[in-house]
C-alpha atoms as a PDB file:
ATOM      1  CA  MET A   1     108.707 102.625  97.763  1.00  0.00           C
ATOM      2  CA  GLU A   2     106.901 101.206 100.796  1.00  0.00           C
ATOM      3  CA  ILE A   3     103.172 101.040 100.009  1.00  0.00           C
ATOM      4  CA  ALA A   4     102.099  99.280 103.208  1.00  0.00           C
ATOM      5  CA  ASN A   5     103.701  97.931 106.344  1.00  0.00           C
ATOM      6  CA  ARG A   6     106.478  95.542 105.165  1.00  0.00           C
ATOM      7  CA  ILE A   7     105.275  95.734 101.522  1.00  0.00           C
ATOM      8  CA  ILE A   8     107.203  97.568  98.808  1.00  0.00           C
ATOM      9  CA  VAL A   9     107.072  98.137  95.071  1.00  0.00           C
ATOM     10  CA  ASP A  10     110.159  98.727  92.967  1.00  0.00           C
ATOM     11  CA  GLU A  11     110.038  98.463  89.198  1.00  0.00           C
ATOM     12  CA  LYS A  12     113.446  96.739  89.347  1.00  0.00           C
ATOM     13  CA  ILE A  13     112.076  93.942  91.546  1.00  0.00           C
ATOM     14  CA  ARG A  14     109.513  91.565  90.051  1.00  0.00           C
ATOM     15  CA  PHE A  15     108.459  94.166  87.463  1.00  0.00           C
ATOM     16  CA  GLY A  16     107.011  96.438  90.147  1.00  0.00           C
ATOM     17  CA  LYS A  17     104.725  93.870  91.772  1.00  0.00           C
ATOM     18  CA  PRO A  18     104.189  94.277  95.530  1.00  0.00           C
ATOM     19  CA  VAL A  19     106.785  92.206  97.407  1.00  0.00           C
ATOM     20  CA  ILE A  20     107.773  91.575 101.002  1.00  0.00           C
ATOM     21  CA  LYS A  21     110.266  94.279 102.004  1.00  0.00           C
ATOM     22  CA  GLY A  22     113.866  93.063 101.842  1.00  0.00           C
ATOM     23  CA  THR A  23     112.972  90.105  99.615  1.00  0.00           C
ATOM     24  CA  ARG A  24     111.866  89.299  96.088  1.00  0.00           C
ATOM     25  CA  VAL A  25     108.833  87.370  97.391  1.00  0.00           C
ATOM     26  CA  PRO A  26     105.628  88.693  95.787  1.00  0.00           C
ATOM     27  CA  VAL A  27     102.571  89.251  97.958  1.00  0.00           C
ATOM     28  CA  ASP A  28     100.387  87.297  95.520  1.00  0.00           C
ATOM     29  CA  LEU A  29     102.706  84.279  95.822  1.00  0.00           C
ATOM     30  CA  VAL A  30     102.367  84.266  99.612  1.00  0.00           C
ATOM     31  CA  ILE A  31      98.571  84.557  99.395  1.00  0.00           C
ATOM     32  CA  GLY A  32      98.432  81.851  96.728  1.00  0.00           C
ATOM     33  CA  LYS A  33     100.526  79.424  98.776  1.00  0.00           C
ATOM     34  CA  LEU A  34      98.295  79.932 101.819  1.00  0.00           C
ATOM     35  CA  ALA A  35      95.175  79.524  99.663  1.00  0.00           C
ATOM     36  CA  GLY A  36      96.684  76.342  98.252  1.00  0.00           C
ATOM     37  CA  GLY A  37      96.852  74.839 101.714  1.00  0.00           C
ATOM     38  CA  LEU A  38     100.358  75.541 102.952  1.00  0.00           C
ATOM     39  CA  SER A  39     100.639  76.547 106.589  1.00  0.00           C
ATOM     40  CA  TYR A  40     102.189  79.805 107.795  1.00  0.00           C
ATOM     41  CA  GLU A  41     105.194  77.786 108.937  1.00  0.00           C
ATOM     42  CA  GLU A  42     105.620  76.082 105.553  1.00  0.00           C
ATOM     43  CA  VAL A  43     105.449  79.400 103.690  1.00  0.00           C
ATOM     44  CA  ARG A  44     107.766  81.025 106.208  1.00  0.00           C
ATOM     45  CA  ALA A  45     110.355  78.267 105.864  1.00  0.00           C
ATOM     46  CA  GLU A  46     110.128  77.944 102.077  1.00  0.00           C
ATOM     47  CA  TYR A  47     110.570  81.669 101.382  1.00  0.00           C
ATOM     48  CA  GLU A  48     112.606  82.654 104.454  1.00  0.00           C
ATOM     49  CA  ILE A  49     110.102  85.279 105.586  1.00  0.00           C
ATOM     50  CA  THR A  50     108.633  85.929 109.017  1.00  0.00           C
ATOM     51  CA  LYS A  51     105.134  85.371 110.310  1.00  0.00           C
ATOM     52  CA  GLU A  52     104.850  89.172 110.476  1.00  0.00           C
ATOM     53  CA  ASP A  53     105.686  89.329 106.752  1.00  0.00           C
ATOM     54  CA  ILE A  54     102.894  86.843 106.020  1.00  0.00           C
ATOM     55  CA  LEU A  55     100.434  88.803 108.141  1.00  0.00           C
ATOM     56  CA  ALA A  56     101.467  92.014 106.344  1.00  0.00           C
ATOM     57  CA  ALA A  57     100.806  90.327 102.972  1.00  0.00           C
ATOM     58  CA  LEU A  58      97.370  89.205 104.156  1.00  0.00           C
ATOM     59  CA  ASP A  59      96.594  92.677 105.497  1.00  0.00           C
ATOM     60  CA  TYR A  60      97.686  94.305 102.237  1.00  0.00           C
ATOM     61  CA  ALA A  61      95.559  91.895 100.189  1.00  0.00           C
ATOM     62  CA  ALA A  62      92.507  92.404 102.424  1.00  0.00           C
ATOM     63  CA  LYS A  63      92.760  96.186 102.192  1.00  0.00           C
ATOM     64  CA  HIS A  64      93.312  96.047  98.444  1.00  0.00           C
ATOM     65  CA  LEU A  65      90.270  93.816  97.962  1.00  0.00           C
ATOM     66  CA  SER A  66      88.101  95.980 100.190  1.00  0.00           C
ATOM     67  CA  ASP A  67      88.578  98.807  97.670  1.00  0.00           C
ATOM     68  CA  GLU A  68      87.533  96.594  94.761  1.00  0.00           C
ATOM     69  CA  GLU A  69      84.123  97.281  93.264  1.00  0.00           C
ATOM     70  CA  VAL A  70      82.273  94.328  91.796  1.00  0.00           C
ATOM     71  CA  ARG A  71      79.164  94.816  89.693  1.00  0.00           C
ATOM     72  CA  ALA A  72      76.736  92.064  88.872  1.00  0.00           C
ATOM     73  CA  VAL A  73      75.707  91.759  85.248  1.00  0.00           C
ATOM     74  CA  ALA A  74      72.448  90.200  84.204  1.00  0.00           C
END
């Protein structure tokens, strides 16, 4: 099932984690690689995905985080 542009979930692929459509590349892996310092081009080449796929993963993560509620505890 497509849950966002270029992002799908299927319980038969990566245990239902969000992945790039048409691949088995999890969104969190893409975000983690970028956070770890890899460039778009390095991630694109390593996982054979497009720049648009990377941007879709970033967009999905940003929207998902914007819904997160964080409460400070004293």
